[in-house]
Amino acid sequence: MLKVTTDVINTAKVDDVKTAIRKIIVPAGLDYAVDSIGYGPLIIDLLHSLGTDEKLCLIGIAGKLDLTGMDIMGESKQIIGLIEGDAIPQLFIPKLIKYSKKGKFPVDKLMKFYSFDQVSQAFDDFTSGKVIKPVITLE
C-alpha cells in the first residue's frame, strides 16, 4: 500500500535527514523520492533515504553532486532526471498558465526576482530556504 505523507523536516534543525525520514515513513527506506529544489546535499540525503532498488527523481539540479559508486550501486538505486515532469511542454505550460490565472498555482509565491548585482543574495536565499526559485533579471 502506498503511504503518502505531508510531514515536514526542517533540515536546519535535523542532524541526520535519513534517520528523520525513516522515522516518519518506514525503517527500510523510501520507495521513491522526488526532489524539486536541486540542492546537492539534500539530494544526497534523499538518495541515502531510499530503500534497496528504489528511485530518486530529480526535477532540477543546481551545482555539483558528490556521489560515489556505492551511493547508487551499493543498493541498486536509480537517479532519474525529469524535465517538466516528462510532460509535453506544448500541453503542460498552457495548463500551468490556466491554473495560475485561476489562482490554483501560486507561482508568485514560489519565485523571487533579483537583479544581476544581487546574484550572491539570490544564492544565499536559495540555500537557506528563504526562496524556492530565485530568478536573476538582466536589466
Protein backbone atom coordinates (compact mmCIF):
# COMPACT_ATOMS: atom_id res chain seq x y z
CA MET A 1 0.00 0.00 0.00
CA LEU A 2 1.31 3.45 -0.92
CA LYS A 3 1.88 5.71 2.06
CA VAL A 4 1.87 9.39 1.21
CA THR A 5 2.97 11.86 3.85
CA THR A 6 2.98 15.61 4.18
CA ASP A 7 5.35 15.69 7.14
CA VAL A 8 7.99 18.41 7.04
CA ILE A 9 11.62 18.05 8.03
CA ASN A 10 13.46 21.28 8.67
CA THR A 11 16.97 20.34 7.54
CA ALA A 12 18.43 23.26 9.52
CA LYS A 13 17.21 21.60 12.73
CA VAL A 14 17.93 17.94 11.95
CA ASP A 15 21.41 16.42 12.00
CA ASP A 16 20.51 13.22 10.16
CA VAL A 17 17.88 13.62 7.43
CA LYS A 18 17.95 9.91 6.51
CA THR A 19 17.04 8.89 10.07
CA ALA A 20 14.35 11.60 10.31
CA ILE A 21 12.76 10.41 7.06
CA ARG A 22 12.90 6.75 8.06
CA LYS A 23 11.22 7.54 11.41
CA ILE A 24 8.29 9.09 9.52
CA ILE A 25 7.93 6.57 6.69
CA VAL A 26 9.47 3.14 7.18
CA PRO A 27 12.78 1.97 8.61
CA ALA A 28 13.63 0.16 5.36
CA GLY A 29 13.64 3.43 3.43
CA LEU A 30 11.59 5.25 0.83
CA ASP A 31 10.20 3.53 -2.26
CA TYR A 32 10.87 6.71 -4.23
CA ALA A 33 11.69 10.37 -3.68
CA VAL A 34 11.24 13.47 -5.82
CA ASP A 35 13.50 16.49 -5.45
CA SER A 36 12.38 19.78 -6.97
CA ILE A 37 14.85 22.07 -5.23
CA GLY A 38 18.16 20.95 -6.74
CA TYR A 39 20.26 21.43 -3.59
CA GLY A 40 23.10 18.89 -3.72
CA PRO A 41 23.38 17.95 -0.02
CA LEU A 42 19.61 17.37 0.19
CA ILE A 43 19.71 15.23 -2.97
CA ILE A 44 22.38 13.06 -1.31
CA ASP A 45 20.24 12.80 1.85
CA LEU A 46 17.23 11.71 -0.22
CA LEU A 47 19.33 9.16 -2.09
CA HIS A 48 20.53 7.71 1.22
CA SER A 49 16.92 7.63 2.46
CA LEU A 50 15.84 5.27 -0.33
CA GLY A 51 15.37 1.60 0.23
CA THR A 52 17.11 -1.03 -1.89
CA ASP A 53 16.36 -0.93 -5.64
CA GLU A 54 14.38 2.32 -5.42
CA LYS A 55 14.31 5.58 -7.41
CA LEU A 56 15.14 9.25 -6.89
CA CYS A 57 13.63 11.63 -9.45
CA LEU A 58 15.37 14.97 -9.93
CA ILE A 59 13.34 17.82 -11.33
CA GLY A 60 16.14 20.36 -11.01
CA ILE A 61 19.77 20.46 -10.01
CA ALA A 62 21.97 23.37 -9.05
CA GLY A 63 25.63 22.68 -8.64
CA LYS A 64 27.86 19.70 -8.17
CA LEU A 65 26.76 16.35 -6.78
CA ASP A 66 29.47 14.45 -4.94
CA LEU A 67 28.42 10.83 -5.38
CA THR A 68 30.35 7.62 -5.10
CA GLY A 69 29.54 4.44 -6.96
CA MET A 70 28.39 2.90 -3.70
CA ASP A 71 25.82 5.68 -3.20
CA ILE A 72 23.96 4.22 -6.16
CA MET A 73 25.27 0.75 -6.90
CA GLY A 74 25.54 -0.46 -3.29
CA GLU A 75 21.78 -0.89 -3.07
CA SER A 76 20.87 -0.82 -6.79
CA LYS A 77 19.38 2.68 -6.60
CA GLN A 78 18.38 4.76 -9.61
CA ILE A 79 18.58 8.50 -10.17
CA ILE A 80 16.25 9.77 -12.88
CA GLY A 81 16.27 13.28 -14.30
CA LEU A 82 12.91 14.71 -15.34
CA ILE A 83 12.27 17.76 -17.44
CA GLU A 84 8.89 19.31 -16.68
CA GLY A 85 7.86 16.01 -15.13
CA ASP A 86 8.37 14.39 -18.54
CA ALA A 87 5.34 16.38 -19.65
CA ILE A 88 4.75 17.64 -23.16
CA PRO A 89 5.63 21.36 -22.84
CA GLN A 90 3.12 22.44 -25.51
CA LEU A 91 0.31 20.97 -23.37
CA PHE A 92 1.71 21.34 -19.86
CA ILE A 93 2.76 25.01 -19.90
CA PRO A 94 -0.66 26.28 -21.08
CA LYS A 95 -2.27 24.23 -18.26
CA LEU A 96 0.04 25.84 -15.71
CA ILE A 97 -0.85 29.27 -17.05
CA LYS A 98 -4.59 28.45 -16.76
CA TYR A 99 -4.09 27.20 -13.19
CA SER A 100 -2.14 30.34 -12.33
CA LYS A 101 -4.86 32.61 -13.74
CA LYS A 102 -7.48 30.71 -11.68
CA GLY A 103 -5.37 31.07 -8.52
CA LYS A 104 -4.67 27.34 -8.34
CA PHE A 105 -0.92 27.56 -8.99
CA PRO A 106 0.71 30.26 -6.84
CA VAL A 107 3.80 30.76 -8.98
CA ASP A 108 4.29 34.21 -7.42
CA LYS A 109 4.87 32.57 -4.03
CA LEU A 110 7.49 30.20 -5.46
CA MET A 111 9.66 32.79 -7.19
CA LYS A 112 11.54 35.90 -6.15
CA PHE A 113 13.27 38.22 -8.60
CA TYR A 114 16.79 39.56 -8.11
CA SER A 115 18.79 41.98 -10.20
CA PHE A 116 22.09 40.71 -11.56
CA ASP A 117 24.08 42.55 -8.88
CA GLN A 118 22.07 40.62 -6.22
CA VAL A 119 23.14 37.20 -7.50
CA SER A 120 25.02 36.39 -4.27
CA GLN A 121 21.93 37.25 -2.22
CA ALA A 122 19.82 35.05 -4.51
CA PHE A 123 22.13 32.07 -3.88
CA ASP A 124 22.15 32.74 -0.13
CA ASP A 125 18.34 32.96 -0.03
CA PHE A 126 18.07 29.73 -2.04
CA THR A 127 20.50 27.73 0.10
CA SER A 128 18.89 28.98 3.31
CA GLY A 129 15.41 28.03 2.07
CA LYS A 130 14.14 31.62 2.12
CA VAL A 131 13.15 31.35 -1.55
CA ILE A 132 12.31 28.30 -3.70
CA LYS A 133 13.09 29.66 -7.17
CA PRO A 134 15.31 32.71 -7.36
CA VAL A 135 15.16 34.40 -10.76
CA ILE A 136 18.01 36.65 -11.89
CA THR A 137 16.96 39.52 -14.16
CA LEU A 138 19.34 41.15 -16.61
CA GLU A 139 18.24 44.72 -16.97
